Amino acid sequence: MGLLRKLLLWISENRRLRETLPRHAFIRRAVARFMPGEKVEDALQAAQTLKAKNIATLLTLLGENITKAEEAKQVTEHYIDVLGRVEKSALDSHISVKLTQLGLDLGEELCLENLSAVIGQAAANNNWVWIDMEQSSYVDRTLSLYKKVREQYPRVGVCLQAYLYRIPKDIEQLLPLAPAIRLVKGAYAEPEGVAYPKKKDVDAKYFELAKVLLSNLKVNGVTLGIATHDKVLIRRICQEAEAMGLSKDGFEFQLLYGIQTEEQLRLTKEGYRVRVLISYGSHWFPWYMRRLAERPANVLFAIKNVWRS
């Protein structure tokens, strides 16, 4: 792992910096490019704008590692409200939740109760809930809860991180469930014994896993979200899907708001399904640092964005 990536990930997890740096105007200006605002109304307006371009969306309230049950309940009620707003606005907008935001650190039973409440509203609205993946220490509990709710309601997806050594086995175990999977590279600081440390290895593993999932779209009813901004990988995955005889709308590309917007439009015009993840909320700093850490070029991009503001 490069030194800059290590530094950015360390900053994202440093409690003191997480509290002080967001107060600086230049930091807030830099993040504005990647999220439309801190309020859900900002996210819904952005979703309407993208809808006009035939781009679907995925909404997520930033925040993690909640330590009070009442706060987890508030987040649960927030997502239930958001699902109602999405239905009322006729948006093609799913929601994505972090389990530590729904109380996982307080116990799996509490988290399951909150997650089930959100999924119940999604079922009433015929919508989707995606479960985000956090650090490797949460993978077993996250997948366990995913399997439980997947049995109750099919329109639930889970995020898998390609940089973890364990993921091929996890996919194998999930396939009988006809899972919905969002495949990402991974954005946390993990020990070398847990995750691939080198970018080239992560890229190679991502493509390998994408091929496995593509090959199971029809065989095992997999629903797949390819979540990467790597244009080389995107092109290779498109070629692989075509070679397999898959339709362009048989899976979707899931990209982040404000990143690779031209690529989003290009894929849409070529007939691929594109879904943009829109993040909002006041707890954006750790998320923003992890986005910068994903690619060193993002840091230069952020600096340029500050000077343009």
C-alpha atoms as a PDB file:
ATOM      1  CA  MET A   1       0.000   0.000   0.000  1.00  0.00           C
ATOM      2  CA  GLY A   2       1.415   3.433  -0.981  1.00  0.00           C
ATOM      3  CA  LEU A   3       2.398   5.948   1.659  1.00  0.00           C
ATOM      4  CA  LEU A   4      -0.183   8.507   0.511  1.00  0.00           C
ATOM      5  CA  ARG A   5      -2.978   5.939   0.694  1.00  0.00           C
ATOM      6  CA  LYS A   6      -1.850   4.892   4.168  1.00  0.00           C
ATOM      7  CA  LEU A   7      -1.803   8.512   5.303  1.00  0.00           C
ATOM      8  CA  LEU A   8      -5.281   9.266   3.970  1.00  0.00           C
ATOM      9  CA  LEU A   9      -6.758   6.140   5.541  1.00  0.00           C
ATOM     10  CA  TRP A  10      -5.073   6.974   8.844  1.00  0.00           C
ATOM     11  CA  ILE A  11      -6.582  10.470   8.717  1.00  0.00           C
ATOM     12  CA  SER A  12     -10.015   8.970   7.996  1.00  0.00           C
ATOM     13  CA  GLU A  13      -9.828   6.937  11.216  1.00  0.00           C
ATOM     14  CA  ASN A  14      -8.232   9.574  13.469  1.00  0.00           C
ATOM     15  CA  ARG A  15     -10.945  10.835  15.787  1.00  0.00           C
ATOM     16  CA  ARG A  16      -9.353  14.236  16.445  1.00  0.00           C
ATOM     17  CA  LEU A  17      -8.818  15.011  12.761  1.00  0.00           C
ATOM     18  CA  ARG A  18     -12.327  13.798  11.945  1.00  0.00           C
ATOM     19  CA  GLU A  19     -13.634  16.438  14.340  1.00  0.00           C
ATOM     20  CA  THR A  20     -11.370  19.365  13.405  1.00  0.00           C
ATOM     21  CA  LEU A  21     -10.583  19.226   9.672  1.00  0.00           C
ATOM     22  CA  PRO A  22     -14.205  19.430   8.433  1.00  0.00           C
ATOM     23  CA  ARG A  23     -14.452  22.879  10.039  1.00  0.00           C
ATOM     24  CA  HIS A  24     -12.067  24.329   7.455  1.00  0.00           C
ATOM     25  CA  ALA A  25     -13.733  26.013   4.485  1.00  0.00           C
ATOM     26  CA  PHE A  26     -11.258  24.644   1.945  1.00  0.00           C
ATOM     27  CA  ILE A  27     -12.054  21.061   3.001  1.00  0.00           C
ATOM     28  CA  ARG A  28     -15.780  21.702   2.656  1.00  0.00           C
ATOM     29  CA  ARG A  29     -15.264  23.250  -0.779  1.00  0.00           C
ATOM     30  CA  ALA A  30     -13.297  20.211  -1.915  1.00  0.00           C
ATOM     31  CA  VAL A  31     -15.972  17.724  -0.893  1.00  0.00           C
ATOM     32  CA  ALA A  32     -18.780  19.707  -2.562  1.00  0.00           C
ATOM     33  CA  ARG A  33     -17.887  18.185  -5.921  1.00  0.00           C
ATOM     34  CA  PHE A  34     -18.623  14.696  -4.628  1.00  0.00           C
ATOM     35  CA  MET A  35     -21.903  15.244  -2.794  1.00  0.00           C
ATOM     36  CA  PRO A  36     -24.754  17.616  -3.673  1.00  0.00           C
ATOM     37  CA  GLY A  37     -25.335  18.671  -0.058  1.00  0.00           C
ATOM     38  CA  GLU A  38     -25.771  17.433   3.486  1.00  0.00           C
ATOM     39  CA  LYS A  39     -29.582  17.221   3.447  1.00  0.00           C
ATOM     40  CA  VAL A  40     -31.702  14.450   1.957  1.00  0.00           C
ATOM     41  CA  GLU A  41     -33.509  17.111  -0.089  1.00  0.00           C
ATOM     42  CA  ASP A  42     -30.197  17.857  -1.819  1.00  0.00           C
ATOM     43  CA  ALA A  43     -29.758  14.185  -2.669  1.00  0.00           C
ATOM     44  CA  LEU A  44     -33.310  13.833  -3.984  1.00  0.00           C
ATOM     45  CA  GLN A  45     -32.898  16.909  -6.186  1.00  0.00           C
ATOM     46  CA  ALA A  46     -29.673  15.478  -7.596  1.00  0.00           C
ATOM     47  CA  ALA A  47     -31.494  12.208  -8.239  1.00  0.00           C
ATOM     48  CA  GLN A  48     -34.156  14.082 -10.215  1.00  0.00           C
ATOM     49  CA  THR A  49     -31.458  15.729 -12.320  1.00  0.00           C
ATOM     50  CA  LEU A  50     -29.832  12.379 -13.073  1.00  0.00           C
ATOM     51  CA  LYS A  51     -33.210  10.810 -13.847  1.00  0.00           C
ATOM     52  CA  ALA A  52     -33.589  13.299 -16.702  1.00  0.00           C
ATOM     53  CA  LYS A  53     -30.364  11.809 -18.126  1.00  0.00           C
ATOM     54  CA  ASN A  54     -31.697   8.227 -17.805  1.00  0.00           C
ATOM     55  CA  ILE A  55     -29.371   7.518 -14.892  1.00  0.00           C
ATOM     56  CA  ALA A  56     -30.724   5.722 -11.820  1.00  0.00           C
ATOM     57  CA  THR A  57     -29.491   6.458  -8.310  1.00  0.00           C
ATOM     58  CA  LEU A  58     -28.571   4.976  -4.956  1.00  0.00           C
ATOM     59  CA  LEU A  59     -28.966   7.099  -1.817  1.00  0.00           C
ATOM     60  CA  THR A  60     -26.946   6.768   1.366  1.00  0.00           C
ATOM     61  CA  LEU A  61     -26.840   8.766   4.590  1.00  0.00           C
ATOM     62  CA  LEU A  62     -23.216   9.080   5.695  1.00  0.00           C
ATOM     63  CA  GLY A  63     -22.336   7.860   9.165  1.00  0.00           C
ATOM     64  CA  GLU A  64     -21.062   4.729  10.887  1.00  0.00           C
ATOM     65  CA  ASN A  65     -20.299   3.044  14.214  1.00  0.00           C
ATOM     66  CA  ILE A  66     -23.286   4.394  16.107  1.00  0.00           C
ATOM     67  CA  THR A  67     -23.033   3.690  19.845  1.00  0.00           C
ATOM     68  CA  LYS A  68     -26.525   4.604  21.048  1.00  0.00           C
ATOM     69  CA  ALA A  69     -29.658   2.587  20.321  1.00  0.00           C
ATOM     70  CA  GLU A  70     -31.802   5.698  19.964  1.00  0.00           C
ATOM     71  CA  GLU A  71     -29.483   7.071  17.276  1.00  0.00           C
ATOM     72  CA  ALA A  72     -29.682   3.792  15.341  1.00  0.00           C
ATOM     73  CA  LYS A  73     -33.469   4.026  15.589  1.00  0.00           C
ATOM     74  CA  GLN A  74     -33.370   7.567  14.196  1.00  0.00           C
ATOM     75  CA  VAL A  75     -31.337   6.378  11.214  1.00  0.00           C
ATOM     76  CA  THR A  76     -33.843   3.563  10.675  1.00  0.00           C
ATOM     77  CA  GLU A  77     -36.733   6.026  10.690  1.00  0.00           C
ATOM     78  CA  HIS A  78     -34.809   8.310   8.349  1.00  0.00           C
ATOM     79  CA  TYR A  79     -34.408   5.579   5.738  1.00  0.00           C
ATOM     80  CA  ILE A  80     -38.050   4.591   6.045  1.00  0.00           C
ATOM     81  CA  ASP A  81     -38.952   8.220   5.351  1.00  0.00           C
ATOM     82  CA  VAL A  82     -36.534   8.376   2.401  1.00  0.00           C
ATOM     83  CA  LEU A  83     -38.103   5.293   0.829  1.00  0.00           C
ATOM     84  CA  GLY A  84     -41.479   7.004   1.081  1.00  0.00           C
ATOM     85  CA  ARG A  85     -40.128  10.154  -0.556  1.00  0.00           C
ATOM     86  CA  VAL A  86     -38.581   8.134  -3.365  1.00  0.00           C
ATOM     87  CA  GLU A  87     -41.913   6.423  -3.999  1.00  0.00           C
ATOM     88  CA  LYS A  88     -43.765   9.732  -3.990  1.00  0.00           C
ATOM     89  CA  SER A  89     -41.247  11.298  -6.405  1.00  0.00           C
ATOM     90  CA  ALA A  90     -41.343   8.308  -8.787  1.00  0.00           C
ATOM     91  CA  LEU A  91     -37.554   8.019  -8.692  1.00  0.00           C
ATOM     92  CA  ASP A  92     -35.544   4.926  -9.587  1.00  0.00           C
ATOM     93  CA  SER A  93     -33.545   5.313  -6.384  1.00  0.00           C
ATOM     94  CA  HIS A  94     -32.427   2.481  -4.136  1.00  0.00           C
ATOM     95  CA  ILE A  95     -30.977   3.044  -0.668  1.00  0.00           C
ATOM     96  CA  SER A  96     -27.673   1.804   0.758  1.00  0.00           C
ATOM     97  CA  VAL A  97     -27.197   1.296   4.501  1.00  0.00           C
ATOM     98  CA  LYS A  98     -24.215   0.633   6.774  1.00  0.00           C
ATOM     99  CA  LEU A  99     -25.007  -1.919   9.453  1.00  0.00           C
ATOM    100  CA  THR A 100     -22.951  -0.118  12.110  1.00  0.00           C
ATOM    101  CA  GLN A 101     -25.247   2.826  11.414  1.00  0.00           C
ATOM    102  CA  LEU A 102     -28.200   0.593  12.286  1.00  0.00           C
ATOM    103  CA  GLY A 103     -26.633  -0.521  15.559  1.00  0.00           C
ATOM    104  CA  LEU A 104     -24.438  -3.516  14.687  1.00  0.00           C
ATOM    105  CA  ASP A 105     -21.865  -2.516  17.316  1.00  0.00           C
ATOM    106  CA  LEU A 106     -24.669  -2.677  19.880  1.00  0.00           C
ATOM    107  CA  GLY A 107     -25.699  -6.200  18.916  1.00  0.00           C
ATOM    108  CA  GLU A 108     -26.876  -8.218  15.930  1.00  0.00           C
ATOM    109  CA  GLU A 109     -30.426  -8.560  17.272  1.00  0.00           C
ATOM    110  CA  LEU A 110     -30.912  -4.778  17.433  1.00  0.00           C
ATOM    111  CA  CYS A 111     -29.342  -4.317  14.028  1.00  0.00           C
ATOM    112  CA  LEU A 112     -31.537  -7.017  12.486  1.00  0.00           C
ATOM    113  CA  GLU A 113     -34.623  -5.396  13.970  1.00  0.00           C
ATOM    114  CA  ASN A 114     -33.738  -2.025  12.433  1.00  0.00           C
ATOM    115  CA  LEU A 115     -32.659  -3.513   9.113  1.00  0.00           C
ATOM    116  CA  SER A 116     -35.873  -5.532   8.878  1.00  0.00           C
ATOM    117  CA  ALA A 117     -37.916  -2.375   9.474  1.00  0.00           C
ATOM    118  CA  VAL A 118     -36.158  -0.626   6.587  1.00  0.00           C
ATOM    119  CA  ILE A 119     -36.577  -3.654   4.335  1.00  0.00           C
ATOM    120  CA  GLY A 120     -40.239  -3.869   5.273  1.00  0.00           C
ATOM    121  CA  GLN A 121     -40.777  -0.354   3.946  1.00  0.00           C
ATOM    122  CA  ALA A 122     -38.760  -1.171   0.821  1.00  0.00           C
ATOM    123  CA  ALA A 123     -40.968  -4.214   0.236  1.00  0.00           C
ATOM    124  CA  ALA A 124     -44.084  -2.068   0.574  1.00  0.00           C
ATOM    125  CA  ASN A 125     -42.659   0.278  -2.071  1.00  0.00           C
ATOM    126  CA  ASN A 126     -41.248  -2.536  -4.260  1.00  0.00           C
ATOM    127  CA  ASN A 127     -37.804  -0.982  -3.874  1.00  0.00           C
ATOM    128  CA  TRP A 128     -34.270  -2.166  -3.109  1.00  0.00           C
ATOM    129  CA  VAL A 129     -32.020  -1.995  -0.057  1.00  0.00           C
ATOM    130  CA  TRP A 130     -28.265  -2.460  -0.453  1.00  0.00           C
ATOM    131  CA  ILE A 131     -26.092  -3.343   2.534  1.00  0.00           C
ATOM    132  CA  ASP A 132     -22.713  -1.657   2.431  1.00  0.00           C
ATOM    133  CA  MET A 133     -19.585  -3.461   3.589  1.00  0.00           C
ATOM    134  CA  GLU A 134     -17.272  -2.012   6.227  1.00  0.00           C
ATOM    135  CA  GLN A 135     -13.920  -3.184   7.633  1.00  0.00           C
ATOM    136  CA  SER A 136     -12.977  -6.852   7.368  1.00  0.00           C
ATOM    137  CA  SER A 137     -13.885  -7.437  11.027  1.00  0.00           C
ATOM    138  CA  TYR A 138     -17.544  -6.882  10.074  1.00  0.00           C
ATOM    139  CA  VAL A 139     -17.718  -9.202   7.060  1.00  0.00           C
ATOM    140  CA  ASP A 140     -18.940 -12.347   8.828  1.00  0.00           C
ATOM    141  CA  ARG A 141     -21.665 -10.525  10.737  1.00  0.00           C
ATOM    142  CA  THR A 142     -22.706  -8.545   7.678  1.00  0.00           C
ATOM    143  CA  LEU A 143     -23.035 -11.634   5.492  1.00  0.00           C
ATOM    144  CA  SER A 144     -24.866 -13.498   8.247  1.00  0.00           C
ATOM    145  CA  LEU A 145     -27.461 -10.737   8.510  1.00  0.00           C
ATOM    146  CA  TYR A 146     -27.662 -10.458   4.730  1.00  0.00           C
ATOM    147  CA  LYS A 147     -28.514 -14.146   4.401  1.00  0.00           C
ATOM    148  CA  LYS A 148     -31.266 -13.792   6.996  1.00  0.00           C
ATOM    149  CA  VAL A 149     -32.983 -10.838   5.344  1.00  0.00           C
ATOM    150  CA  ARG A 150     -32.459 -12.227   1.843  1.00  0.00           C
ATOM    151  CA  GLU A 151     -34.678 -15.139   2.803  1.00  0.00           C
ATOM    152  CA  GLN A 152     -37.427 -12.664   3.744  1.00  0.00           C
ATOM    153  CA  TYR A 153     -37.163 -10.339   0.764  1.00  0.00           C
ATOM    154  CA  PRO A 154     -35.309 -10.843  -2.545  1.00  0.00           C
ATOM    155  CA  ARG A 155     -34.600  -7.196  -3.323  1.00  0.00           C
ATOM    156  CA  VAL A 156     -31.714  -6.881  -0.906  1.00  0.00           C
ATOM    157  CA  GLY A 157     -28.106  -6.608  -2.051  1.00  0.00           C
ATOM    158  CA  VAL A 158     -24.736  -6.701  -0.344  1.00  0.00           C
ATOM    159  CA  CYS A 159     -21.374  -5.131  -1.116  1.00  0.00           C
ATOM    160  CA  LEU A 160     -18.284  -7.340  -1.529  1.00  0.00           C
ATOM    161  CA  GLN A 161     -14.728  -5.986  -1.524  1.00  0.00           C
ATOM    162  CA  ALA A 162     -12.443  -7.541  -4.135  1.00  0.00           C
ATOM    163  CA  TYR A 163      -9.256  -6.797  -2.200  1.00  0.00           C
ATOM    164  CA  LEU A 164     -10.130  -9.290   0.549  1.00  0.00           C
ATOM    165  CA  TYR A 165      -8.600 -12.746   0.092  1.00  0.00           C
ATOM    166  CA  ARG A 166     -11.781 -14.399   1.345  1.00  0.00           C
ATOM    167  CA  ILE A 167     -14.197 -13.065  -1.269  1.00  0.00           C
ATOM    168  CA  PRO A 168     -14.090 -15.975  -3.790  1.00  0.00           C
ATOM    169  CA  LYS A 169     -15.249 -18.329  -1.032  1.00  0.00           C
ATOM    170  CA  ASP A 170     -17.906 -15.829   0.106  1.00  0.00           C
ATOM    171  CA  ILE A 171     -19.276 -15.629  -3.436  1.00  0.00           C
ATOM    172  CA  GLU A 172     -19.382 -19.420  -3.678  1.00  0.00           C
ATOM    173  CA  GLN A 173     -21.404 -19.607  -0.469  1.00  0.00           C
ATOM    174  CA  LEU A 174     -23.791 -16.845  -1.560  1.00  0.00           C
ATOM    175  CA  LEU A 175     -24.569 -18.177  -5.044  1.00  0.00           C
ATOM    176  CA  PRO A 176     -27.340 -20.597  -3.909  1.00  0.00           C
ATOM    177  CA  LEU A 177     -29.261 -17.558  -2.610  1.00  0.00           C
ATOM    178  CA  ALA A 178     -29.403 -15.900  -6.061  1.00  0.00           C
ATOM    179  CA  PRO A 179     -27.670 -12.929  -4.431  1.00  0.00           C
ATOM    180  CA  ALA A 180     -27.533  -9.279  -5.416  1.00  0.00           C
ATOM    181  CA  ILE A 181     -23.901  -8.173  -5.212  1.00  0.00           C
ATOM    182  CA  ARG A 182     -22.211  -4.806  -5.592  1.00  0.00           C
ATOM    183  CA  LEU A 183     -18.569  -5.502  -6.373  1.00  0.00           C
ATOM    184  CA  VAL A 184     -16.092  -2.835  -5.210  1.00  0.00           C
ATOM    185  CA  LYS A 185     -12.316  -2.841  -4.866  1.00  0.00           C
ATOM    186  CA  GLY A 186     -12.242  -1.905  -1.158  1.00  0.00           C
ATOM    187  CA  ALA A 187     -11.429   1.326   0.644  1.00  0.00           C
ATOM    188  CA  TYR A 188     -10.265   0.520   4.185  1.00  0.00           C
ATOM    189  CA  ALA A 189      -6.808   0.047   5.682  1.00  0.00           C
ATOM    190  CA  GLU A 190      -6.523  -3.719   6.056  1.00  0.00           C
ATOM    191  CA  PRO A 191      -3.616  -5.940   7.174  1.00  0.00           C
ATOM    192  CA  GLU A 192      -1.679  -7.632   4.378  1.00  0.00           C
ATOM    193  CA  GLY A 193      -2.786 -10.985   5.731  1.00  0.00           C
ATOM    194  CA  VAL A 194      -6.385 -10.027   5.032  1.00  0.00           C
ATOM    195  CA  ALA A 195      -6.298  -8.048   1.767  1.00  0.00           C
ATOM    196  CA  TYR A 196      -4.140  -7.624  -1.315  1.00  0.00           C
ATOM    197  CA  PRO A 197      -1.812  -4.669  -0.650  1.00  0.00           C
ATOM    198  CA  LYS A 198      -0.904  -3.888  -4.280  1.00  0.00           C
ATOM    199  CA  LYS A 199      -3.221  -2.129  -6.731  1.00  0.00           C
ATOM    200  CA  LYS A 200      -2.291  -4.389  -9.644  1.00  0.00           C
ATOM    201  CA  ASP A 201      -3.304  -7.459  -7.634  1.00  0.00           C
ATOM    202  CA  VAL A 202      -6.587  -5.864  -6.590  1.00  0.00           C
ATOM    203  CA  ASP A 203      -7.339  -4.940 -10.206  1.00  0.00           C
ATOM    204  CA  ALA A 204      -6.604  -8.487 -11.377  1.00  0.00           C
ATOM    205  CA  LYS A 205      -8.768 -10.011  -8.647  1.00  0.00           C
ATOM    206  CA  TYR A 206     -11.598  -7.564  -9.367  1.00  0.00           C
ATOM    207  CA  PHE A 207     -11.711  -8.621 -13.019  1.00  0.00           C
ATOM    208  CA  GLU A 208     -11.562 -12.295 -12.071  1.00  0.00           C
ATOM    209  CA  LEU A 209     -14.459 -11.921  -9.624  1.00  0.00           C
ATOM    210  CA  ALA A 210     -16.461  -9.847 -12.104  1.00  0.00           C
ATOM    211  CA  LYS A 211     -16.164 -12.660 -14.638  1.00  0.00           C
ATOM    212  CA  VAL A 212     -17.374 -15.192 -12.089  1.00  0.00           C
ATOM    213  CA  LEU A 213     -20.396 -13.063 -11.236  1.00  0.00           C
ATOM    214  CA  LEU A 214     -21.200 -12.317 -14.885  1.00  0.00           C
ATOM    215  CA  SER A 215     -21.147 -16.041 -15.638  1.00  0.00           C
ATOM    216  CA  ASN A 216     -23.709 -16.588 -12.882  1.00  0.00           C
ATOM    217  CA  LEU A 217     -26.235 -13.934 -13.947  1.00  0.00           C
ATOM    218  CA  LYS A 218     -28.346 -16.502 -15.780  1.00  0.00           C
ATOM    219  CA  VAL A 219     -27.210 -19.730 -14.104  1.00  0.00           C
ATOM    220  CA  ASN A 220     -27.806 -18.647 -10.509  1.00  0.00           C
ATOM    221  CA  GLY A 221     -29.912 -15.511 -10.932  1.00  0.00           C
ATOM    222  CA  VAL A 222     -27.237 -13.122  -9.665  1.00  0.00           C
ATOM    223  CA  THR A 223     -28.019  -9.403  -9.686  1.00  0.00           C
ATOM    224  CA  LEU A 224     -24.774  -7.518 -10.266  1.00  0.00           C
ATOM    225  CA  GLY A 225     -23.570  -3.975  -9.721  1.00  0.00           C
ATOM    226  CA  ILE A 226     -20.094  -3.280 -11.121  1.00  0.00           C
ATOM    227  CA  ALA A 227     -18.856  -0.497  -8.846  1.00  0.00           C
ATOM    228  CA  THR A 228     -15.614   0.902 -10.234  1.00  0.00           C
ATOM    229  CA  HIS A 229     -14.410   4.041 -12.018  1.00  0.00           C
ATOM    230  CA  ASP A 230     -11.472   2.232 -13.591  1.00  0.00           C
ATOM    231  CA  LYS A 231     -12.045   2.774 -17.311  1.00  0.00           C
ATOM    232  CA  VAL A 232      -9.738  -0.079 -18.268  1.00  0.00           C
ATOM    233  CA  LEU A 233     -11.670  -2.497 -16.061  1.00  0.00           C
ATOM    234  CA  ILE A 234     -14.987  -1.167 -17.319  1.00  0.00           C
ATOM    235  CA  ARG A 235     -13.944  -1.736 -20.922  1.00  0.00           C
ATOM    236  CA  ARG A 236     -12.674  -5.253 -20.199  1.00  0.00           C
ATOM    237  CA  ILE A 237     -15.855  -6.154 -18.317  1.00  0.00           C
ATOM    238  CA  CYS A 238     -18.011  -4.874 -21.183  1.00  0.00           C
ATOM    239  CA  GLN A 239     -16.006  -7.016 -23.609  1.00  0.00           C
ATOM    240  CA  GLU A 240     -16.303 -10.056 -21.362  1.00  0.00           C
ATOM    241  CA  ALA A 241     -20.068  -9.620 -20.997  1.00  0.00           C
ATOM    242  CA  GLU A 242     -20.434  -9.334 -24.761  1.00  0.00           C
ATOM    243  CA  ALA A 243     -18.354 -12.484 -25.273  1.00  0.00           C
ATOM    244  CA  MET A 244     -20.681 -14.295 -22.849  1.00  0.00           C
ATOM    245  CA  GLY A 245     -23.695 -13.164 -24.872  1.00  0.00           C
ATOM    246  CA  LEU A 246     -25.094 -11.054 -22.037  1.00  0.00           C
ATOM    247  CA  SER A 247     -27.383  -8.134 -22.733  1.00  0.00           C
ATOM    248  CA  LYS A 248     -26.208  -4.655 -21.782  1.00  0.00           C
ATOM    249  CA  ASP A 249     -29.086  -4.301 -19.338  1.00  0.00           C
ATOM    250  CA  GLY A 250     -28.344  -7.641 -17.682  1.00  0.00           C
ATOM    251  CA  PHE A 251     -26.233  -5.908 -15.031  1.00  0.00           C
ATOM    252  CA  GLU A 252     -25.453  -2.334 -14.083  1.00  0.00           C
ATOM    253  CA  PHE A 253     -22.528  -0.043 -13.437  1.00  0.00           C
ATOM    254  CA  GLN A 254     -22.650   1.734 -10.088  1.00  0.00           C
ATOM    255  CA  LEU A 255     -20.535   4.884  -9.901  1.00  0.00           C
ATOM    256  CA  LEU A 256     -20.150   7.745  -7.453  1.00  0.00           C
ATOM    257  CA  TYR A 257     -21.743  11.157  -7.776  1.00  0.00           C
ATOM    258  CA  GLY A 258     -19.352  13.724  -9.225  1.00  0.00           C
ATOM    259  CA  ILE A 259     -16.775  11.192 -10.450  1.00  0.00           C
ATOM    260  CA  GLN A 260     -16.361  10.145 -14.090  1.00  0.00           C
ATOM    261  CA  THR A 261     -19.546  11.931 -15.135  1.00  0.00           C
ATOM    262  CA  GLU A 262     -18.611  11.667 -18.804  1.00  0.00           C
ATOM    263  CA  GLU A 263     -18.137   7.933 -18.408  1.00  0.00           C
ATOM    264  CA  GLN A 264     -21.564   7.679 -16.775  1.00  0.00           C
ATOM    265  CA  LEU A 265     -23.149   9.386 -19.775  1.00  0.00           C
ATOM    266  CA  ARG A 266     -21.150   7.330 -22.255  1.00  0.00           C
ATOM    267  CA  LEU A 267     -22.222   4.046 -20.716  1.00  0.00           C
ATOM    268  CA  THR A 268     -25.832   5.195 -20.596  1.00  0.00           C
ATOM    269  CA  LYS A 269     -25.807   6.221 -24.270  1.00  0.00           C
ATOM    270  CA  GLU A 270     -24.322   2.855 -25.215  1.00  0.00           C
ATOM    271  CA  GLY A 271     -27.263   1.094 -23.577  1.00  0.00           C
ATOM    272  CA  TYR A 272     -25.788   0.025 -20.246  1.00  0.00           C
ATOM    273  CA  ARG A 273     -27.667   0.536 -17.011  1.00  0.00           C
ATOM    274  CA  VAL A 274     -25.952   3.100 -14.794  1.00  0.00           C
ATOM    275  CA  ARG A 275     -26.739   3.843 -11.152  1.00  0.00           C
ATOM    276  CA  VAL A 276     -25.024   6.716  -9.326  1.00  0.00           C
ATOM    277  CA  LEU A 277     -24.414   6.583  -5.570  1.00  0.00           C
ATOM    278  CA  ILE A 278     -25.378   9.894  -3.973  1.00  0.00           C
ATOM    279  CA  SER A 279     -24.058  10.421  -0.452  1.00  0.00           C
ATOM    280  CA  TYR A 280     -25.349  13.073   1.923  1.00  0.00           C
ATOM    281  CA  GLY A 281     -25.256  13.961   5.595  1.00  0.00           C
ATOM    282  CA  SER A 282     -22.967  15.775   7.996  1.00  0.00           C
ATOM    283  CA  HIS A 283     -20.652  12.827   8.760  1.00  0.00           C
ATOM    284  CA  TRP A 284     -18.883  12.994   5.413  1.00  0.00           C
ATOM    285  CA  PHE A 285     -15.224  13.374   6.404  1.00  0.00           C
ATOM    286  CA  PRO A 286     -14.160   9.684   6.830  1.00  0.00           C
ATOM    287  CA  TRP A 287     -15.992   8.774   3.626  1.00  0.00           C
ATOM    288  CA  TYR A 288     -14.296  11.606   1.729  1.00  0.00           C
ATOM    289  CA  MET A 289     -10.812  10.589   2.919  1.00  0.00           C
ATOM    290  CA  ARG A 290     -11.444   7.008   1.781  1.00  0.00           C
ATOM    291  CA  ARG A 291     -12.516   8.264  -1.641  1.00  0.00           C
ATOM    292  CA  LEU A 292      -9.256  10.183  -1.949  1.00  0.00           C
ATOM    293  CA  ALA A 293      -7.293   7.140  -0.829  1.00  0.00           C
ATOM    294  CA  GLU A 294      -8.757   4.942  -3.539  1.00  0.00           C
ATOM    295  CA  ARG A 295      -6.664   6.683  -6.205  1.00  0.00           C
ATOM    296  CA  PRO A 296      -3.755   9.102  -5.614  1.00  0.00           C
ATOM    297  CA  ALA A 297      -4.941  11.108  -8.632  1.00  0.00           C
ATOM    298  CA  ASN A 298      -8.053  11.982  -6.638  1.00  0.00           C
ATOM    299  CA  VAL A 299      -5.935  14.158  -4.337  1.00  0.00           C
ATOM    300  CA  LEU A 300      -4.712  16.322  -7.218  1.00  0.00           C
ATOM    301  CA  PHE A 301      -8.259  16.459  -8.539  1.00  0.00           C
ATOM    302  CA  ALA A 302      -9.513  17.658  -5.135  1.00  0.00           C
ATOM    303  CA  ILE A 303      -6.825  20.349  -4.921  1.00  0.00           C
ATOM    304  CA  LYS A 304      -7.719  21.656  -8.368  1.00  0.00           C
ATOM    305  CA  ASN A 305     -11.366  21.668  -7.388  1.00  0.00           C
ATOM    306  CA  VAL A 306     -10.608  23.870  -4.348  1.00  0.00           C
ATOM    307  CA  TRP A 307      -8.860  26.491  -6.476  1.00  0.00           C
ATOM    308  CA  ARG A 308     -11.718  26.488  -8.984  1.00  0.00           C
ATOM    309  CA  SER A 309     -14.236  27.185  -6.218  1.00  0.00           C
END
